Each structure stands twice: as structure tokens, then as C-alpha cells.
């Protein structure tokens, strides 16, 4: 062997072996990585992809202010999915004739979140049929 080959051969033999601390660190890192991969797979398998469930609760009190009627409501979001651009529509019929409509938009509802608002009408909602409903939403 010539001198270059001998020095290369010596360098390979002089490489230190891994210490116990390095093996422990490697094992912990490997277990963390395996846990993350396992959680991702578990989430993909168990994700039910159910649409958001959005409920509207019409408050029983109607307030008359300056000749207009304020009808308060509450929107409750259930389920795991988030909803964006939630559109709420109110329709007031008097004698089976649509007299007034109202629309509101809520930008964002996460799981379990509640939002409150009110619709304003010029006709008394207690003298007709008021229907408040969720018209649409989009998923993020």
C-alpha cells in the first residue's frame, strides 16, 4: 500500500463508535417521528368529513324601537368542521304574503362557537310568520 491508501485506511478505522447518549437521542427522535406518522394516519382513517351543523335559536323577545321591530337570534356551530361566510336569511310573511326579508353574514364559526345578532323589520313579526334559517356557508 502506498501512503495515501494507508492514511485513508487509518481514517476509517479511527472513526469513533456511537455513544450511548447518541443512541438514546436517536431512539427518542425515531419514536417521536413514528408517533407523528401514526397520528396522521389515525386522523386520516377516522376523519368522518361530516358537514358543519349550524343551528339558529330565535330569542322569544321582540323589541319595538322607533317604530321598528328587532328580533334577536343566536347561531350555534356544532361539529368539528369550521364554517366560513355563514349566510343567515329571515323571511317575514303576513297573511301568507312575503312582506320583508333580511340577510346577515357571519365571517367565521369554529366548533362550539356562538354568535348573536338581530333582524330589524318594519312590520310586527308577531302578527305574521317569521322564518330564520341558514342559507349557505363555505368550508375553509
Protein backbone atom coordinates (compact mmCIF):
# COMPACT_ATOMS: atom_id res chain seq x y z
CA UNK A 1 0.00 0.00 0.00
CA UNK A 2 1.14 3.50 -0.67
CA UNK A 3 0.98 6.33 1.86
CA UNK A 4 -2.33 7.80 0.61
CA UNK A 5 -4.09 4.48 0.82
CA UNK A 6 -2.69 3.87 4.32
CA UNK A 7 -3.87 7.27 5.59
CA UNK A 8 -7.39 6.72 4.14
CA UNK A 9 -7.50 3.26 5.71
CA UNK A 10 -6.41 4.67 9.09
CA UNK A 11 -9.09 7.40 8.98
CA UNK A 12 -11.84 4.81 8.52
CA UNK A 13 -10.56 2.75 11.40
CA UNK A 14 -10.23 5.76 13.70
CA UNK A 15 -13.92 6.80 13.37
CA UNK A 16 -15.37 6.76 16.87
CA UNK A 17 -18.28 4.46 17.60
CA UNK A 18 -21.63 5.94 18.59
CA UNK A 19 -22.03 6.68 22.27
CA UNK A 20 -24.91 5.57 24.45
CA UNK A 21 -26.21 9.16 24.54
CA UNK A 22 -26.29 9.29 20.73
CA UNK A 23 -28.23 6.01 20.58
CA UNK A 24 -30.71 7.25 23.19
CA UNK A 25 -31.20 10.54 21.30
CA UNK A 26 -31.67 8.65 18.03
CA UNK A 27 -34.23 6.31 19.65
CA UNK A 28 -36.23 9.19 21.14
CA UNK A 29 -36.23 11.04 17.80
CA UNK A 30 -37.33 7.92 15.99
CA UNK A 31 -40.18 7.30 18.45
CA UNK A 32 -41.39 10.92 18.13
CA UNK A 33 -41.38 10.64 14.34
CA UNK A 34 -43.25 7.32 14.49
CA UNK A 35 -45.84 8.87 16.83
CA UNK A 36 -46.45 11.79 14.47
CA UNK A 37 -46.83 9.48 11.48
CA UNK A 38 -49.20 7.27 13.49
CA UNK A 39 -51.36 10.25 14.50
CA UNK A 40 -51.58 11.46 10.90
CA UNK A 41 -52.67 8.00 9.73
CA UNK A 42 -55.18 7.73 12.61
CA UNK A 43 -56.67 11.14 11.71
CA UNK A 44 -57.00 10.19 8.04
CA UNK A 45 -58.73 6.91 8.88
CA UNK A 46 -61.13 8.33 11.48
CA UNK A 47 -61.97 11.65 9.79
CA UNK A 48 -65.72 11.47 9.19
CA UNK A 49 -65.98 14.51 6.87
CA UNK A 50 -69.39 15.46 8.23
CA UNK A 51 -70.65 18.88 7.24
CA UNK A 52 -70.90 21.57 9.91
CA UNK A 53 -74.14 21.59 11.88
CA UNK A 54 -75.33 25.17 12.34
CA UNK A 55 -78.40 25.86 14.49
CA UNK A 56 -80.35 29.08 14.84
CA UNK A 57 -82.16 29.93 18.04
CA UNK A 58 -84.70 32.73 17.73
CA UNK A 59 -84.95 34.63 21.00
CA UNK A 60 -88.54 34.88 22.28
CA UNK A 61 -88.42 38.64 22.88
CA UNK A 62 -89.13 41.15 20.13
CA UNK A 63 -88.26 44.77 20.86
CA UNK A 64 -90.05 47.73 19.31
CA UNK A 65 -87.65 50.64 18.80
CA UNK A 66 -88.63 53.82 16.91
CA UNK A 67 -91.44 52.06 15.04
CA UNK A 68 -89.24 49.10 14.03
CA UNK A 69 -89.14 45.59 15.43
CA UNK A 70 -85.87 43.98 16.46
CA UNK A 71 -85.81 40.18 16.54
CA UNK A 72 -82.68 38.79 18.26
CA UNK A 73 -81.23 35.40 17.36
CA UNK A 74 -78.26 33.20 18.19
CA UNK A 75 -76.26 30.99 15.83
CA UNK A 76 -74.57 27.92 17.30
CA UNK A 77 -71.97 25.90 15.39
CA UNK A 78 -71.58 22.23 16.32
CA UNK A 79 -69.29 19.57 14.93
CA UNK A 80 -65.60 19.60 14.13
CA UNK A 81 -65.60 21.34 10.76
CA UNK A 82 -65.18 25.11 10.59
CA UNK A 83 -67.64 27.18 8.56
CA UNK A 84 -66.90 30.45 6.79
CA UNK A 85 -69.21 33.04 5.22
CA UNK A 86 -72.30 31.75 7.01
CA UNK A 87 -75.34 33.39 5.42
CA UNK A 88 -78.49 33.75 7.54
CA UNK A 89 -81.82 34.73 5.99
CA UNK A 90 -85.02 35.88 7.68
CA UNK A 91 -88.37 35.92 5.92
CA UNK A 92 -91.47 37.57 7.35
CA UNK A 93 -94.82 36.58 5.87
CA UNK A 94 -98.02 38.35 6.82
CA UNK A 95 -101.27 36.74 5.58
CA UNK A 96 -99.17 34.22 3.58
CA UNK A 97 -97.56 37.08 1.65
CA UNK A 98 -93.84 37.75 1.85
CA UNK A 99 -93.58 41.23 3.34
CA UNK A 100 -89.92 41.55 4.33
CA UNK A 101 -86.63 39.71 4.14
CA UNK A 102 -83.32 40.21 5.87
CA UNK A 103 -79.85 38.78 5.42
CA UNK A 104 -76.78 38.61 7.61
CA UNK A 105 -73.36 37.11 7.11
CA UNK A 106 -71.03 35.72 9.76
CA UNK A 107 -67.43 35.54 8.61
CA UNK A 108 -66.23 32.58 10.65
CA UNK A 109 -67.66 29.94 13.03
CA UNK A 110 -65.44 27.35 14.68
CA UNK A 111 -66.56 24.31 16.65
CA UNK A 112 -68.87 25.21 19.54
CA UNK A 113 -68.82 28.91 18.74
CA UNK A 114 -71.91 31.10 19.22
CA UNK A 115 -72.76 34.42 17.58
CA UNK A 116 -75.68 36.71 18.30
CA UNK A 117 -77.43 39.21 16.10
CA UNK A 118 -80.83 40.71 15.31
CA UNK A 119 -83.06 41.30 12.31
CA UNK A 120 -84.94 44.59 12.01
CA UNK A 121 -88.43 44.69 10.48
CA UNK A 122 -90.93 47.48 9.87
CA UNK A 123 -93.88 45.05 10.28
CA UNK A 124 -94.61 43.36 13.60
CA UNK A 125 -93.21 39.79 13.35
CA UNK A 126 -95.71 38.61 15.97
CA UNK A 127 -98.55 39.31 13.51
CA UNK A 128 -97.08 37.04 10.86
CA UNK A 129 -94.87 34.01 10.32
CA UNK A 130 -91.15 34.64 10.76
CA UNK A 131 -88.67 32.09 9.47
CA UNK A 132 -84.94 32.46 10.22
CA UNK A 133 -82.61 29.94 8.60
CA UNK A 134 -79.06 29.28 7.48
CA UNK A 135 -78.96 29.71 3.71
CA UNK A 136 -75.34 28.82 2.99
CA UNK A 137 -71.76 28.51 4.24
CA UNK A 138 -68.40 27.54 2.80
CA UNK A 139 -65.66 25.30 4.10
CA UNK A 140 -62.19 26.80 4.56
